[in-house]
């Protein structure tokens, strides 16, 4: 009879001890790491920080409670953390379900409306569409939606700019040149040729006294491509040649003033990357003349 009572007591004591042990434990670092991993996954898929701030606060509070030995408080916070994380995941899943049809419809609409676009106006649209496709295929639908929102906002302005671009392009075609003489007498010449096929030719030279002690005589010719957006022309120089490069400095030699020459190297079709832009107003209001 005594042995039976002992067994009954032990059967009651062991579960109670286990329950006390669980209640006496805080939240393990393994549990917190698992929660942080879920948060990271949601963020990588595009969930904004604002949607998981509550979860991050609970994780911080749990760690603080663990350090202070407030195990019961830590468990309470963990229950709240679990609920908050479940809400974030459910909300995100519901949002994603609505994003996919939206992304698909925007891509289809932009694919049709972009047809009039050319050159520098078409490139950014195609670039964003490629990004949207990549994001959608990797299930980053929130980021894909953001890019689609940008496209939707862009397109009216892009199409309007295209009309202006088509209107202005023939006006740029031709050779624009100017020649100016500075106060010391040096003459500087500059010319741009915008060909119909988008080929660019440029020439720039200077000859004469730049200041009382320095003379210049040089000429550079370049080539590349050009394009325009509305009333702005963009020059993309990819090759440069130096036809001459001569300089003279006025120095004191043996007690007398003497011009000392220095000749720079010439070269042909050197690869460069020199980009610039000019507005229609700069060309027409300035001293450039069109041939």
C-alpha atoms as a PDB file:
ATOM      1  CA  UNK A   1       0.000   0.000   0.000  1.00  0.00           C
ATOM      2  CA  UNK A   2       2.860   2.340   0.873  1.00  0.00           C
ATOM      3  CA  UNK A   3       4.552   1.671  -2.471  1.00  0.00           C
ATOM      4  CA  UNK A   4       1.323   2.442  -4.302  1.00  0.00           C
ATOM      5  CA  UNK A   5       0.954   5.779  -2.515  1.00  0.00           C
ATOM      6  CA  UNK A   6       4.562   6.596  -3.373  1.00  0.00           C
ATOM      7  CA  UNK A   7       3.919   5.908  -7.052  1.00  0.00           C
ATOM      8  CA  UNK A   8       0.802   8.115  -6.990  1.00  0.00           C
ATOM      9  CA  UNK A   9       2.705  10.935  -5.321  1.00  0.00           C
ATOM     10  CA  UNK A  10       5.559  10.632  -7.821  1.00  0.00           C
ATOM     11  CA  UNK A  11       3.129  10.663 -10.732  1.00  0.00           C
ATOM     12  CA  UNK A  12       1.722  13.931  -9.467  1.00  0.00           C
ATOM     13  CA  UNK A  13       5.058  15.481  -8.517  1.00  0.00           C
ATOM     14  CA  UNK A  14       6.892  14.831 -11.808  1.00  0.00           C
ATOM     15  CA  UNK A  15       4.396  16.613 -14.141  1.00  0.00           C
ATOM     16  CA  UNK A  16       4.152  19.454 -11.626  1.00  0.00           C
ATOM     17  CA  UNK A  17       7.942  19.801 -11.550  1.00  0.00           C
ATOM     18  CA  UNK A  18       8.027  19.809 -15.328  1.00  0.00           C
ATOM     19  CA  UNK A  19       5.366  22.519 -15.458  1.00  0.00           C
ATOM     20  CA  UNK A  20       7.252  24.595 -12.887  1.00  0.00           C
ATOM     21  CA  UNK A  21      10.480  24.128 -14.852  1.00  0.00           C
ATOM     22  CA  UNK A  22       8.804  25.344 -18.083  1.00  0.00           C
ATOM     23  CA  UNK A  23       7.179  28.254 -16.279  1.00  0.00           C
ATOM     24  CA  UNK A  24      10.505  29.078 -14.674  1.00  0.00           C
ATOM     25  CA  UNK A  25      12.337  29.273 -18.012  1.00  0.00           C
ATOM     26  CA  UNK A  26      12.462  32.377 -20.130  1.00  0.00           C
ATOM     27  CA  UNK A  27      12.393  32.378 -23.918  1.00  0.00           C
ATOM     28  CA  UNK A  28      15.379  30.653 -25.500  1.00  0.00           C
ATOM     29  CA  UNK A  29      17.760  32.431 -27.856  1.00  0.00           C
ATOM     30  CA  UNK A  30      16.930  29.741 -30.402  1.00  0.00           C
ATOM     31  CA  UNK A  31      13.287  30.832 -30.397  1.00  0.00           C
ATOM     32  CA  UNK A  32      14.270  34.470 -30.822  1.00  0.00           C
ATOM     33  CA  UNK A  33      16.672  33.633 -33.644  1.00  0.00           C
ATOM     34  CA  UNK A  34      13.886  31.739 -35.415  1.00  0.00           C
ATOM     35  CA  UNK A  35      11.589  34.772 -35.073  1.00  0.00           C
ATOM     36  CA  UNK A  36      14.320  37.084 -36.409  1.00  0.00           C
ATOM     37  CA  UNK A  37      14.832  34.749 -39.363  1.00  0.00           C
ATOM     38  CA  UNK A  38      11.145  35.070 -40.252  1.00  0.00           C
ATOM     39  CA  UNK A  39      11.393  38.845 -39.968  1.00  0.00           C
ATOM     40  CA  UNK A  40      14.417  38.873 -42.268  1.00  0.00           C
ATOM     41  CA  UNK A  41      12.610  36.734 -44.838  1.00  0.00           C
ATOM     42  CA  UNK A  42       9.628  39.072 -44.835  1.00  0.00           C
ATOM     43  CA  UNK A  43      11.905  42.106 -45.214  1.00  0.00           C
ATOM     44  CA  UNK A  44      13.764  40.501 -48.109  1.00  0.00           C
ATOM     45  CA  UNK A  45      10.436  40.002 -49.844  1.00  0.00           C
ATOM     46  CA  UNK A  46       9.676  43.685 -49.446  1.00  0.00           C
ATOM     47  CA  UNK A  47       7.644  43.995 -46.242  1.00  0.00           C
ATOM     48  CA  UNK A  48       8.221  47.547 -44.939  1.00  0.00           C
ATOM     49  CA  UNK A  49       9.797  48.109 -41.535  1.00  0.00           C
ATOM     50  CA  UNK A  50       6.619  49.786 -40.319  1.00  0.00           C
ATOM     51  CA  UNK A  51       4.767  46.474 -40.628  1.00  0.00           C
ATOM     52  CA  UNK A  52       7.151  44.607 -38.326  1.00  0.00           C
ATOM     53  CA  UNK A  53       8.112  47.298 -35.819  1.00  0.00           C
ATOM     54  CA  UNK A  54       5.874  45.665 -33.225  1.00  0.00           C
ATOM     55  CA  UNK A  55       7.622  42.315 -33.703  1.00  0.00           C
ATOM     56  CA  UNK A  56      11.077  43.892 -33.288  1.00  0.00           C
ATOM     57  CA  UNK A  57       9.951  45.648 -30.088  1.00  0.00           C
ATOM     58  CA  UNK A  58       8.762  42.349 -28.604  1.00  0.00           C
ATOM     59  CA  UNK A  59      12.088  40.675 -29.443  1.00  0.00           C
ATOM     60  CA  UNK A  60      13.938  43.481 -27.678  1.00  0.00           C
ATOM     61  CA  UNK A  61      11.625  43.278 -24.657  1.00  0.00           C
ATOM     62  CA  UNK A  62      12.050  39.504 -24.419  1.00  0.00           C
ATOM     63  CA  UNK A  63      15.840  39.752 -24.421  1.00  0.00           C
ATOM     64  CA  UNK A  64      15.683  42.457 -21.774  1.00  0.00           C
ATOM     65  CA  UNK A  65      13.346  40.362 -19.601  1.00  0.00           C
ATOM     66  CA  UNK A  66      15.630  37.324 -19.979  1.00  0.00           C
ATOM     67  CA  UNK A  67      18.637  39.335 -18.802  1.00  0.00           C
ATOM     68  CA  UNK A  68      16.705  40.561 -15.769  1.00  0.00           C
ATOM     69  CA  UNK A  69      15.526  37.034 -14.941  1.00  0.00           C
ATOM     70  CA  UNK A  70      11.891  37.996 -15.538  1.00  0.00           C
ATOM     71  CA  UNK A  71      11.007  34.682 -17.133  1.00  0.00           C
ATOM     72  CA  UNK A  72       7.234  34.967 -16.802  1.00  0.00           C
ATOM     73  CA  UNK A  73       7.298  38.402 -18.428  1.00  0.00           C
ATOM     74  CA  UNK A  74       9.487  37.061 -21.226  1.00  0.00           C
ATOM     75  CA  UNK A  75       6.976  34.272 -21.903  1.00  0.00           C
ATOM     76  CA  UNK A  76       4.120  36.794 -21.996  1.00  0.00           C
ATOM     77  CA  UNK A  77       6.021  38.938 -24.486  1.00  0.00           C
ATOM     78  CA  UNK A  78       6.781  35.836 -26.550  1.00  0.00           C
ATOM     79  CA  UNK A  79       3.072  35.024 -26.837  1.00  0.00           C
ATOM     80  CA  UNK A  80       2.496  38.581 -28.055  1.00  0.00           C
ATOM     81  CA  UNK A  81       5.451  38.245 -30.426  1.00  0.00           C
ATOM     82  CA  UNK A  82       4.019  35.062 -31.918  1.00  0.00           C
ATOM     83  CA  UNK A  83       0.635  36.720 -32.483  1.00  0.00           C
ATOM     84  CA  UNK A  84       2.187  39.866 -34.003  1.00  0.00           C
ATOM     85  CA  UNK A  85       4.390  37.826 -36.341  1.00  0.00           C
ATOM     86  CA  UNK A  86       1.413  35.729 -37.452  1.00  0.00           C
ATOM     87  CA  UNK A  87      -0.555  38.893 -38.219  1.00  0.00           C
ATOM     88  CA  UNK A  88       2.349  40.336 -40.217  1.00  0.00           C
ATOM     89  CA  UNK A  89       2.741  37.127 -42.230  1.00  0.00           C
ATOM     90  CA  UNK A  90      -0.991  36.844 -42.891  1.00  0.00           C
ATOM     91  CA  UNK A  91      -1.297  40.484 -43.902  1.00  0.00           C
ATOM     92  CA  UNK A  92       1.696  40.228 -46.184  1.00  0.00           C
ATOM     93  CA  UNK A  93       0.385  37.076 -47.848  1.00  0.00           C
ATOM     94  CA  UNK A  94      -2.965  38.739 -48.470  1.00  0.00           C
ATOM     95  CA  UNK A  95      -1.249  41.796 -49.934  1.00  0.00           C
ATOM     96  CA  UNK A  96       0.914  39.660 -52.212  1.00  0.00           C
ATOM     97  CA  UNK A  97      -2.158  37.921 -53.566  1.00  0.00           C
ATOM     98  CA  UNK A  98      -3.481  41.275 -54.775  1.00  0.00           C
ATOM     99  CA  UNK A  99      -0.096  42.553 -56.031  1.00  0.00           C
ATOM    100  CA  UNK A 100       0.424  39.865 -58.681  1.00  0.00           C
ATOM    101  CA  UNK A 101      -2.604  40.781 -60.842  1.00  0.00           C
ATOM    102  CA  UNK A 102      -1.750  44.479 -60.460  1.00  0.00           C
ATOM    103  CA  UNK A 103       1.868  43.944 -61.548  1.00  0.00           C
ATOM    104  CA  UNK A 104       0.788  41.844 -64.525  1.00  0.00           C
ATOM    105  CA  UNK A 105      -1.738  44.466 -65.653  1.00  0.00           C
ATOM    106  CA  UNK A 106       0.761  47.345 -65.379  1.00  0.00           C
ATOM    107  CA  UNK A 107       3.439  45.436 -67.302  1.00  0.00           C
ATOM    108  CA  UNK A 108       0.953  44.675 -70.086  1.00  0.00           C
ATOM    109  CA  UNK A 109      -0.310  48.264 -70.215  1.00  0.00           C
ATOM    110  CA  UNK A 110       3.167  49.813 -70.221  1.00  0.00           C
ATOM    111  CA  UNK A 111       4.339  47.311 -72.815  1.00  0.00           C
ATOM    112  CA  UNK A 112       1.652  48.670 -75.122  1.00  0.00           C
ATOM    113  CA  UNK A 113       1.898  52.366 -74.266  1.00  0.00           C
ATOM    114  CA  UNK A 114       5.710  52.489 -74.551  1.00  0.00           C
ATOM    115  CA  UNK A 115       5.648  51.723 -78.288  1.00  0.00           C
ATOM    116  CA  UNK A 116       6.016  55.363 -79.385  1.00  0.00           C
ATOM    117  CA  UNK A 117       9.079  55.823 -77.153  1.00  0.00           C
ATOM    118  CA  UNK A 118      12.573  55.826 -78.671  1.00  0.00           C
ATOM    119  CA  UNK A 119      16.194  56.243 -77.617  1.00  0.00           C
ATOM    120  CA  UNK A 120      16.880  57.724 -74.224  1.00  0.00           C
ATOM    121  CA  UNK A 121      13.204  57.760 -73.293  1.00  0.00           C
ATOM    122  CA  UNK A 122      12.716  54.075 -74.057  1.00  0.00           C
ATOM    123  CA  UNK A 123      15.826  52.872 -72.196  1.00  0.00           C
ATOM    124  CA  UNK A 124      14.708  53.688 -68.616  1.00  0.00           C
ATOM    125  CA  UNK A 125      11.253  52.212 -69.208  1.00  0.00           C
ATOM    126  CA  UNK A 126      12.715  48.958 -70.538  1.00  0.00           C
ATOM    127  CA  UNK A 127      15.157  48.899 -67.630  1.00  0.00           C
ATOM    128  CA  UNK A 128      12.352  49.171 -65.048  1.00  0.00           C
ATOM    129  CA  UNK A 129      10.260  46.566 -66.862  1.00  0.00           C
ATOM    130  CA  UNK A 130      13.206  44.146 -66.732  1.00  0.00           C
ATOM    131  CA  UNK A 131      13.591  44.838 -63.014  1.00  0.00           C
ATOM    132  CA  UNK A 132       9.870  44.249 -62.416  1.00  0.00           C
ATOM    133  CA  UNK A 133      10.079  40.925 -64.259  1.00  0.00           C
ATOM    134  CA  UNK A 134      13.045  39.842 -62.137  1.00  0.00           C
ATOM    135  CA  UNK A 135      11.332  40.859 -58.887  1.00  0.00           C
ATOM    136  CA  UNK A 136       8.087  39.133 -59.825  1.00  0.00           C
ATOM    137  CA  UNK A 137       9.862  35.900 -60.770  1.00  0.00           C
ATOM    138  CA  UNK A 138      11.639  35.822 -57.381  1.00  0.00           C
ATOM    139  CA  UNK A 139       8.363  36.558 -55.567  1.00  0.00           C
ATOM    140  CA  UNK A 140       9.445  40.036 -54.424  1.00  0.00           C
ATOM    141  CA  UNK A 141       6.026  41.319 -55.373  1.00  0.00           C
ATOM    142  CA  UNK A 142       5.937  44.311 -53.037  1.00  0.00           C
ATOM    143  CA  UNK A 143       9.102  45.707 -54.627  1.00  0.00           C
ATOM    144  CA  UNK A 144       7.688  44.870 -58.054  1.00  0.00           C
ATOM    145  CA  UNK A 145       4.538  46.814 -57.186  1.00  0.00           C
ATOM    146  CA  UNK A 146       6.600  49.853 -56.126  1.00  0.00           C
ATOM    147  CA  UNK A 147       8.419  49.834 -59.455  1.00  0.00           C
ATOM    148  CA  UNK A 148       5.093  49.514 -61.265  1.00  0.00           C
ATOM    149  CA  UNK A 149       3.745  52.489 -59.333  1.00  0.00           C
ATOM    150  CA  UNK A 150       6.767  54.447 -60.575  1.00  0.00           C
ATOM    151  CA  UNK A 151       6.125  53.394 -64.160  1.00  0.00           C
ATOM    152  CA  UNK A 152       2.486  54.427 -63.953  1.00  0.00           C
ATOM    153  CA  UNK A 153       3.562  57.865 -62.683  1.00  0.00           C
ATOM    154  CA  UNK A 154       6.279  58.147 -65.362  1.00  0.00           C
ATOM    155  CA  UNK A 155       4.424  57.224 -68.518  1.00  0.00           C
ATOM    156  CA  UNK A 156       2.299  60.351 -69.159  1.00  0.00           C
ATOM    157  CA  UNK A 157       5.382  62.573 -68.903  1.00  0.00           C
ATOM    158  CA  UNK A 158       7.452  60.170 -71.000  1.00  0.00           C
ATOM    159  CA  UNK A 159       4.911  60.149 -73.795  1.00  0.00           C
ATOM    160  CA  UNK A 160       4.640  63.928 -73.725  1.00  0.00           C
ATOM    161  CA  UNK A 161       8.438  64.229 -73.853  1.00  0.00           C
ATOM    162  CA  UNK A 162       8.496  61.853 -76.824  1.00  0.00           C
ATOM    163  CA  UNK A 163       6.257  64.203 -78.804  1.00  0.00           C
ATOM    164  CA  UNK A 164       8.593  67.096 -78.074  1.00  0.00           C
ATOM    165  CA  UNK A 165      11.627  64.918 -78.858  1.00  0.00           C
ATOM    166  CA  UNK A 166      10.296  64.008 -82.305  1.00  0.00           C
ATOM    167  CA  UNK A 167       9.446  67.634 -82.974  1.00  0.00           C
ATOM    168  CA  UNK A 168      12.877  68.952 -81.964  1.00  0.00           C
ATOM    169  CA  UNK A 169      15.185  66.300 -83.422  1.00  0.00           C
ATOM    170  CA  UNK A 170      15.265  67.629 -87.027  1.00  0.00           C
ATOM    171  CA  UNK A 171      16.112  71.078 -85.678  1.00  0.00           C
ATOM    172  CA  UNK A 172      19.320  69.783 -84.073  1.00  0.00           C
ATOM    173  CA  UNK A 173      20.572  67.961 -87.185  1.00  0.00           C
ATOM    174  CA  UNK A 174      23.418  69.830 -88.870  1.00  0.00           C
ATOM    175  CA  UNK A 175      26.694  71.503 -87.911  1.00  0.00           C
ATOM    176  CA  UNK A 176      26.760  74.123 -85.187  1.00  0.00           C
ATOM    177  CA  UNK A 177      29.880  76.250 -84.798  1.00  0.00           C
ATOM    178  CA  UNK A 178      31.153  79.344 -83.078  1.00  0.00           C
ATOM    179  CA  UNK A 179      34.368  81.345 -82.936  1.00  0.00           C
ATOM    180  CA  UNK A 180      35.340  83.785 -80.223  1.00  0.00           C
ATOM    181  CA  UNK A 181      38.348  85.903 -79.427  1.00  0.00           C
ATOM    182  CA  UNK A 182      39.315  86.657 -75.875  1.00  0.00           C
ATOM    183  CA  UNK A 183      40.771  89.885 -74.487  1.00  0.00           C
ATOM    184  CA  UNK A 184      44.371  88.785 -75.134  1.00  0.00           C
ATOM    185  CA  UNK A 185      43.702  87.955 -78.767  1.00  0.00           C
ATOM    186  CA  UNK A 186      43.529  84.165 -78.612  1.00  0.00           C
ATOM    187  CA  UNK A 187      40.905  82.678 -80.946  1.00  0.00           C
ATOM    188  CA  UNK A 188      38.861  79.681 -79.856  1.00  0.00           C
ATOM    189  CA  UNK A 189      36.689  77.681 -82.246  1.00  0.00           C
ATOM    190  CA  UNK A 190      34.174  74.975 -81.512  1.00  0.00           C
ATOM    191  CA  UNK A 191      31.940  72.877 -83.772  1.00  0.00           C
ATOM    192  CA  UNK A 192      29.409  70.066 -83.340  1.00  0.00           C
ATOM    193  CA  UNK A 193      27.937  67.998 -86.155  1.00  0.00           C
ATOM    194  CA  UNK A 194      24.755  66.116 -85.320  1.00  0.00           C
ATOM    195  CA  UNK A 195      24.168  63.633 -88.133  1.00  0.00           C
ATOM    196  CA  UNK A 196      20.730  62.279 -88.986  1.00  0.00           C
ATOM    197  CA  UNK A 197      21.781  58.727 -88.061  1.00  0.00           C
ATOM    198  CA  UNK A 198      22.871  59.769 -84.550  1.00  0.00           C
ATOM    199  CA  UNK A 199      26.610  60.006 -85.276  1.00  0.00           C
ATOM    200  CA  UNK A 200      28.400  62.868 -83.547  1.00  0.00           C
ATOM    201  CA  UNK A 201      31.496  64.752 -84.731  1.00  0.00           C
ATOM    202  CA  UNK A 202      33.111  67.538 -82.733  1.00  0.00           C
ATOM    203  CA  UNK A 203      36.116  69.805 -83.158  1.00  0.00           C
ATOM    204  CA  UNK A 204      37.665  72.248 -80.727  1.00  0.00           C
ATOM    205  CA  UNK A 205      40.759  74.392 -81.183  1.00  0.00           C
ATOM    206  CA  UNK A 206      42.511  77.405 -79.728  1.00  0.00           C
ATOM    207  CA  UNK A 207      45.367  79.535 -80.988  1.00  0.00           C
ATOM    208  CA  UNK A 208      47.009  82.652 -79.624  1.00  0.00           C
ATOM    209  CA  UNK A 209      48.071  84.422 -76.456  1.00  0.00           C
ATOM    210  CA  UNK A 210      46.015  83.260 -73.480  1.00  0.00           C
ATOM    211  CA  UNK A 211      47.798  85.590 -71.084  1.00  0.00           C
ATOM    212  CA  UNK A 212      50.930  87.697 -71.157  1.00  0.00           C
ATOM    213  CA  UNK A 213      53.143  84.704 -70.436  1.00  0.00           C
ATOM    214  CA  UNK A 214      51.356  81.784 -72.096  1.00  0.00           C
ATOM    215  CA  UNK A 215      50.543  80.874 -75.719  1.00  0.00           C
ATOM    216  CA  UNK A 216      48.391  77.984 -76.885  1.00  0.00           C
ATOM    217  CA  UNK A 217      47.956  76.281 -80.238  1.00  0.00           C
ATOM    218  CA  UNK A 218      45.960  73.055 -80.151  1.00  0.00           C
ATOM    219  CA  UNK A 219      43.145  71.173 -81.855  1.00  0.00           C
ATOM    220  CA  UNK A 220      41.129  68.157 -80.785  1.00  0.00           C
ATOM    221  CA  UNK A 221      38.559  66.298 -82.881  1.00  0.00           C
ATOM    222  CA  UNK A 222      36.174  63.729 -81.455  1.00  0.00           C
ATOM    223  CA  UNK A 223      33.426  61.341 -82.453  1.00  0.00           C
ATOM    224  CA  UNK A 224      30.635  59.439 -80.812  1.00  0.00           C
ATOM    225  CA  UNK A 225      26.844  59.527 -80.757  1.00  0.00           C
ATOM    226  CA  UNK A 226      24.134  61.992 -79.886  1.00  0.00           C
ATOM    227  CA  UNK A 227      20.501  61.923 -78.902  1.00  0.00           C
ATOM    228  CA  UNK A 228      17.938  64.350 -77.638  1.00  0.00           C
ATOM    229  CA  UNK A 229      15.144  64.448 -75.116  1.00  0.00           C
ATOM    230  CA  UNK A 230      12.743  67.250 -75.944  1.00  0.00           C
ATOM    231  CA  UNK A 231      14.819  70.443 -76.284  1.00  0.00           C
ATOM    232  CA  UNK A 232      18.038  69.071 -74.773  1.00  0.00           C
ATOM    233  CA  UNK A 233      20.752  67.393 -76.866  1.00  0.00           C
ATOM    234  CA  UNK A 234      23.118  64.881 -75.265  1.00  0.00           C
ATOM    235  CA  UNK A 235      26.647  64.311 -76.585  1.00  0.00           C
ATOM    236  CA  UNK A 236      28.409  60.990 -75.944  1.00  0.00           C
ATOM    237  CA  UNK A 237      32.048  61.233 -77.050  1.00  0.00           C
ATOM    238  CA  UNK A 238      33.817  57.870 -77.332  1.00  0.00           C
ATOM    239  CA  UNK A 239      36.844  58.620 -79.557  1.00  0.00           C
ATOM    240  CA  UNK A 240      39.238  61.559 -79.458  1.00  0.00           C
ATOM    241  CA  UNK A 241      42.172  62.619 -81.635  1.00  0.00           C
ATOM    242  CA  UNK A 242      44.698  65.373 -81.035  1.00  0.00           C
ATOM    243  CA  UNK A 243      45.899  66.996 -84.263  1.00  0.00           C
ATOM    244  CA  UNK A 244      48.264  69.445 -82.594  1.00  0.00           C
ATOM    245  CA  UNK A 245      49.218  70.479 -79.100  1.00  0.00           C
ATOM    246  CA  UNK A 246      51.783  73.283 -78.833  1.00  0.00           C
ATOM    247  CA  UNK A 247      52.392  75.579 -75.892  1.00  0.00           C
ATOM    248  CA  UNK A 248      54.830  78.423 -75.160  1.00  0.00           C
ATOM    249  CA  UNK A 249      55.763  79.936 -71.815  1.00  0.00           C
ATOM    250  CA  UNK A 250      57.493  83.272 -71.383  1.00  0.00           C
ATOM    251  CA  UNK A 251      60.442  82.714 -69.093  1.00  0.00           C
ATOM    252  CA  UNK A 252      63.587  84.478 -67.966  1.00  0.00           C
ATOM    253  CA  UNK A 253      66.586  82.805 -69.632  1.00  0.00           C
ATOM    254  CA  UNK A 254      70.079  84.233 -69.008  1.00  0.00           C
ATOM    255  CA  UNK A 255      68.487  87.369 -67.701  1.00  0.00           C
ATOM    256  CA  UNK A 256      66.304  87.862 -70.744  1.00  0.00           C
ATOM    257  CA  UNK A 257      62.669  87.107 -71.517  1.00  0.00           C
ATOM    258  CA  UNK A 258      62.330  84.215 -73.889  1.00  0.00           C
ATOM    259  CA  UNK A 259      59.450  82.114 -75.203  1.00  0.00           C
ATOM    260  CA  UNK A 260      60.099  78.470 -74.353  1.00  0.00           C
ATOM    261  CA  UNK A 261      58.140  75.979 -76.451  1.00  0.00           C
ATOM    262  CA  UNK A 262      56.620  72.755 -75.175  1.00  0.00           C
ATOM    263  CA  UNK A 263      55.066  70.341 -77.630  1.00  0.00           C
ATOM    264  CA  UNK A 264      52.453  67.870 -76.430  1.00  0.00           C
ATOM    265  CA  UNK A 265      51.891  64.455 -77.952  1.00  0.00           C
ATOM    266  CA  UNK A 266      49.410  63.961 -80.757  1.00  0.00           C
ATOM    267  CA  UNK A 267      47.245  60.864 -80.971  1.00  0.00           C
ATOM    268  CA  UNK A 268      44.414  59.364 -83.002  1.00  0.00           C
ATOM    269  CA  UNK A 269      41.154  57.724 -81.991  1.00  0.00           C
ATOM    270  CA  UNK A 270      41.937  57.371 -78.311  1.00  0.00           C
ATOM    271  CA  UNK A 271      39.071  55.788 -76.376  1.00  0.00           C
ATOM    272  CA  UNK A 272      37.427  58.262 -74.014  1.00  0.00           C
ATOM    273  CA  UNK A 273      34.128  58.772 -72.222  1.00  0.00           C
ATOM    274  CA  UNK A 274      33.210  62.431 -72.286  1.00  0.00           C
ATOM    275  CA  UNK A 275      29.543  63.258 -71.971  1.00  0.00           C
ATOM    276  CA  UNK A 276      27.811  66.620 -71.938  1.00  0.00           C
ATOM    277  CA  UNK A 277      24.472  68.159 -72.791  1.00  0.00           C
ATOM    278  CA  UNK A 278      23.253  71.416 -74.286  1.00  0.00           C
ATOM    279  CA  UNK A 279      19.827  72.979 -74.457  1.00  0.00           C
ATOM    280  CA  UNK A 280      18.208  74.409 -77.565  1.00  0.00           C
ATOM    281  CA  UNK A 281      18.386  77.816 -75.926  1.00  0.00           C
ATOM    282  CA  UNK A 282      22.167  77.523 -75.466  1.00  0.00           C
ATOM    283  CA  UNK A 283      22.599  76.778 -79.155  1.00  0.00           C
ATOM    284  CA  UNK A 284      20.255  79.414 -80.501  1.00  0.00           C
ATOM    285  CA  UNK A 285      20.632  82.258 -78.024  1.00  0.00           C
ATOM    286  CA  UNK A 286      24.404  81.800 -77.811  1.00  0.00           C
ATOM    287  CA  UNK A 287      26.961  82.492 -80.517  1.00  0.00           C
ATOM    288  CA  UNK A 288      26.542  79.199 -82.370  1.00  0.00           C
ATOM    289  CA  UNK A 289      25.618  79.277 -86.026  1.00  0.00           C
ATOM    290  CA  UNK A 290      24.064  76.377 -87.907  1.00  0.00           C
ATOM    291  CA  UNK A 291      25.149  75.247 -91.335  1.00  0.00           C
END
